[in-house]
Amino acid sequence: MDKNLSVSGYGICLFSVGVLQDFLKKEKIRTKKLLNKFQKDKTLYLATQKEGVWVPVVQINSEHYMIKLDGYDEPFHDEWEQKLEYGGFNIEIRDSLWISSIGKFHEFDAEGFCGDEVSYRTYDGVTSYSAFKYDVPSGKYLHFPLLR
């Protein structure tokens, strides 16, 4: 299946559910409105970056992005226009990596990140995807394969 990510308004992010949950527990954060919390608390936001809790890729257009992770997906063919190449960032992964619309952090529900993707139906009955899971080995990554 092609991994066509629907991005609504905010951007794309990468994270591991277990790492994020542990950080929230350590910081005693109970709100599900993580995006709002991170936007209002710059110190907390910077701590998430320093500890490799999540990687936000912001200031991109709201549209659909075909997601491919080097070493995990078939490479793009020549007819594709590269919109973004992102590599060499700090992230900790436990069990799996999720690539998601940041909009999922508007009202974060960890239980919704099960299976291999998070999907929803649009008003016209089309299935759209807001997150995809990659089975990436657990560890601390400072130079991660490129996201294209």
Protein backbone atom coordinates (compact mmCIF):
# COMPACT_ATOMS: atom_id res chain seq x y z
CA MET A 1 0.00 0.00 0.00
CA ASP A 2 1.21 3.48 -0.81
CA LYS A 3 1.48 5.59 2.32
CA ASN A 4 -0.43 8.75 1.42
CA LEU A 5 -0.58 10.91 4.55
CA SER A 6 -3.33 13.51 4.84
CA VAL A 7 -1.95 16.57 6.65
CA SER A 8 -4.37 19.05 8.14
CA GLY A 9 -3.08 22.47 9.01
CA TYR A 10 -0.07 21.87 11.21
CA GLY A 11 2.51 19.60 9.59
CA ILE A 12 3.95 16.14 10.05
CA CYS A 13 5.54 14.60 13.13
CA LEU A 14 7.54 11.51 14.01
CA PHE A 15 7.31 9.81 17.39
CA SER A 16 7.18 6.54 19.29
CA VAL A 17 4.02 6.12 21.38
CA GLY A 18 5.82 4.55 24.38
CA VAL A 19 8.51 7.26 24.49
CA LEU A 20 5.88 9.99 24.28
CA GLN A 21 3.76 8.40 27.03
CA ASP A 22 6.78 8.02 29.33
CA PHE A 23 7.68 11.69 28.81
CA LEU A 24 4.13 12.82 29.56
CA LYS A 25 4.06 10.69 32.71
CA LYS A 26 7.46 12.00 33.87
CA GLU A 27 6.34 15.61 33.31
CA LYS A 28 2.93 14.90 34.92
CA ILE A 29 1.06 16.01 31.81
CA ARG A 30 -2.50 14.70 31.75
CA THR A 31 -4.03 16.81 28.99
CA LYS A 32 -4.84 15.18 25.65
CA LYS A 33 -4.38 18.58 23.95
CA LEU A 34 -0.66 18.07 23.43
CA LEU A 35 -0.31 20.43 20.49
CA ASN A 36 -1.77 23.29 22.52
CA LYS A 37 0.40 22.37 25.54
CA PHE A 38 3.61 22.29 23.47
CA GLN A 39 2.73 25.59 21.75
CA LYS A 40 2.09 27.38 25.04
CA ASP A 41 5.06 26.00 26.99
CA LYS A 42 8.27 26.67 25.08
CA THR A 43 10.46 25.10 27.78
CA LEU A 44 8.44 21.89 27.61
CA TYR A 45 8.52 21.93 23.80
CA LEU A 46 12.32 22.33 23.80
CA ALA A 47 12.62 19.49 26.35
CA THR A 48 10.75 17.19 23.96
CA GLN A 49 13.26 18.05 21.25
CA LYS A 50 16.30 17.62 23.49
CA GLU A 51 15.09 14.23 24.76
CA GLY A 52 14.09 12.98 21.30
CA VAL A 53 10.42 12.55 22.22
CA TRP A 54 9.05 13.73 18.87
CA VAL A 55 10.18 15.48 15.71
CA PRO A 56 7.75 18.04 14.29
CA VAL A 57 8.08 19.00 10.63
CA VAL A 58 6.10 22.21 10.42
CA GLN A 59 5.37 25.03 8.02
CA ILE A 60 4.30 22.76 5.20
CA ASN A 61 1.13 22.99 3.14
CA SER A 62 -2.00 21.12 4.19
CA GLU A 63 -2.33 18.43 1.59
CA HIS A 64 -1.56 14.78 1.01
CA TYR A 65 2.06 13.60 1.21
CA MET A 66 3.35 10.27 -0.02
CA ILE A 67 5.55 9.01 2.82
CA LYS A 68 8.58 6.84 2.15
CA LEU A 69 11.28 5.97 4.66
CA ASP A 70 14.67 5.01 3.24
CA GLY A 71 15.33 1.33 3.81
CA TYR A 72 11.65 0.56 4.54
CA ASP A 73 9.72 1.60 1.43
CA GLU A 74 10.24 1.33 -2.30
CA PRO A 75 12.04 4.45 -3.59
CA PHE A 76 10.18 7.13 -5.52
CA HIS A 77 10.15 6.99 -9.29
CA ASP A 78 11.35 9.88 -11.45
CA GLU A 79 7.83 11.26 -12.04
CA TRP A 80 7.53 12.34 -8.38
CA GLU A 81 8.41 15.86 -7.24
CA GLN A 82 10.37 15.87 -3.99
CA LYS A 83 8.68 18.20 -1.50
CA LEU A 84 10.79 17.47 1.55
CA GLU A 85 13.89 15.61 2.61
CA TYR A 86 14.54 15.43 6.32
CA GLY A 87 17.35 13.60 8.05
CA GLY A 88 19.87 13.76 10.88
CA PHE A 89 17.47 14.46 13.74
CA ASN A 90 17.24 13.38 17.37
CA ILE A 91 14.55 10.79 18.15
CA GLU A 92 14.16 7.89 20.54
CA ILE A 93 12.19 4.90 19.29
CA ARG A 94 10.70 2.11 21.33
CA ASP A 95 9.06 -0.74 19.40
CA SER A 96 7.94 1.36 16.42
CA LEU A 97 8.02 4.77 14.74
CA TRP A 98 4.84 6.64 13.82
CA ILE A 99 4.78 9.25 11.07
CA SER A 100 1.66 11.29 11.62
CA SER A 101 -0.19 14.48 10.91
CA ILE A 102 0.56 16.86 13.79
CA GLY A 103 -3.20 17.37 13.89
CA LYS A 104 -3.38 14.05 15.80
CA PHE A 105 -1.71 15.92 18.71
CA HIS A 106 -4.66 18.32 18.84
CA GLU A 107 -6.55 15.70 20.87
CA PHE A 108 -3.97 12.91 21.37
CA ASP A 109 -5.28 9.40 21.95
CA ALA A 110 -2.48 6.83 22.35
CA GLU A 111 -4.94 3.96 22.00
CA GLY A 112 -5.76 5.15 18.48
CA PHE A 113 -2.21 4.31 17.38
CA CYS A 114 -2.66 0.58 16.95
CA GLY A 115 -2.25 -1.57 13.88
CA ASP A 116 -0.23 -0.22 10.96
CA GLU A 117 -2.10 3.03 10.24
CA VAL A 118 -4.65 5.48 11.57
CA SER A 119 -7.44 6.20 9.12
CA TYR A 120 -10.74 8.04 8.93
CA ARG A 121 -13.57 8.48 6.46
CA THR A 122 -14.15 11.84 4.80
CA TYR A 123 -17.67 13.21 4.32
CA ASP A 124 -17.73 11.84 0.78
CA GLY A 125 -16.78 8.32 1.96
CA VAL A 126 -13.10 8.35 0.99
CA THR A 127 -10.65 6.71 3.40
CA SER A 128 -7.82 9.06 4.36
CA TYR A 129 -4.78 8.28 6.50
CA SER A 130 -3.45 10.48 9.29
CA ALA A 131 -0.63 8.22 10.55
CA PHE A 132 1.53 5.28 9.50
CA LYS A 133 3.60 2.92 11.65
CA TYR A 134 7.08 1.68 10.78
CA ASP A 135 8.69 -1.24 12.58
CA VAL A 136 11.99 0.49 13.27
CA PRO A 137 14.39 -1.05 15.83
CA SER A 138 14.27 0.53 19.27
CA GLY A 139 17.05 2.96 20.12
CA LYS A 140 18.21 6.55 20.20
CA TYR A 141 18.71 7.89 16.69
CA LEU A 142 20.73 11.01 16.00
CA HIS A 143 21.16 10.29 12.29
CA PHE A 144 17.99 8.61 11.11
CA PRO A 145 17.32 7.44 7.52
CA LEU A 146 15.87 10.12 5.32
CA LEU A 147 12.16 10.84 5.23
CA ARG A 148 11.21 11.80 1.69
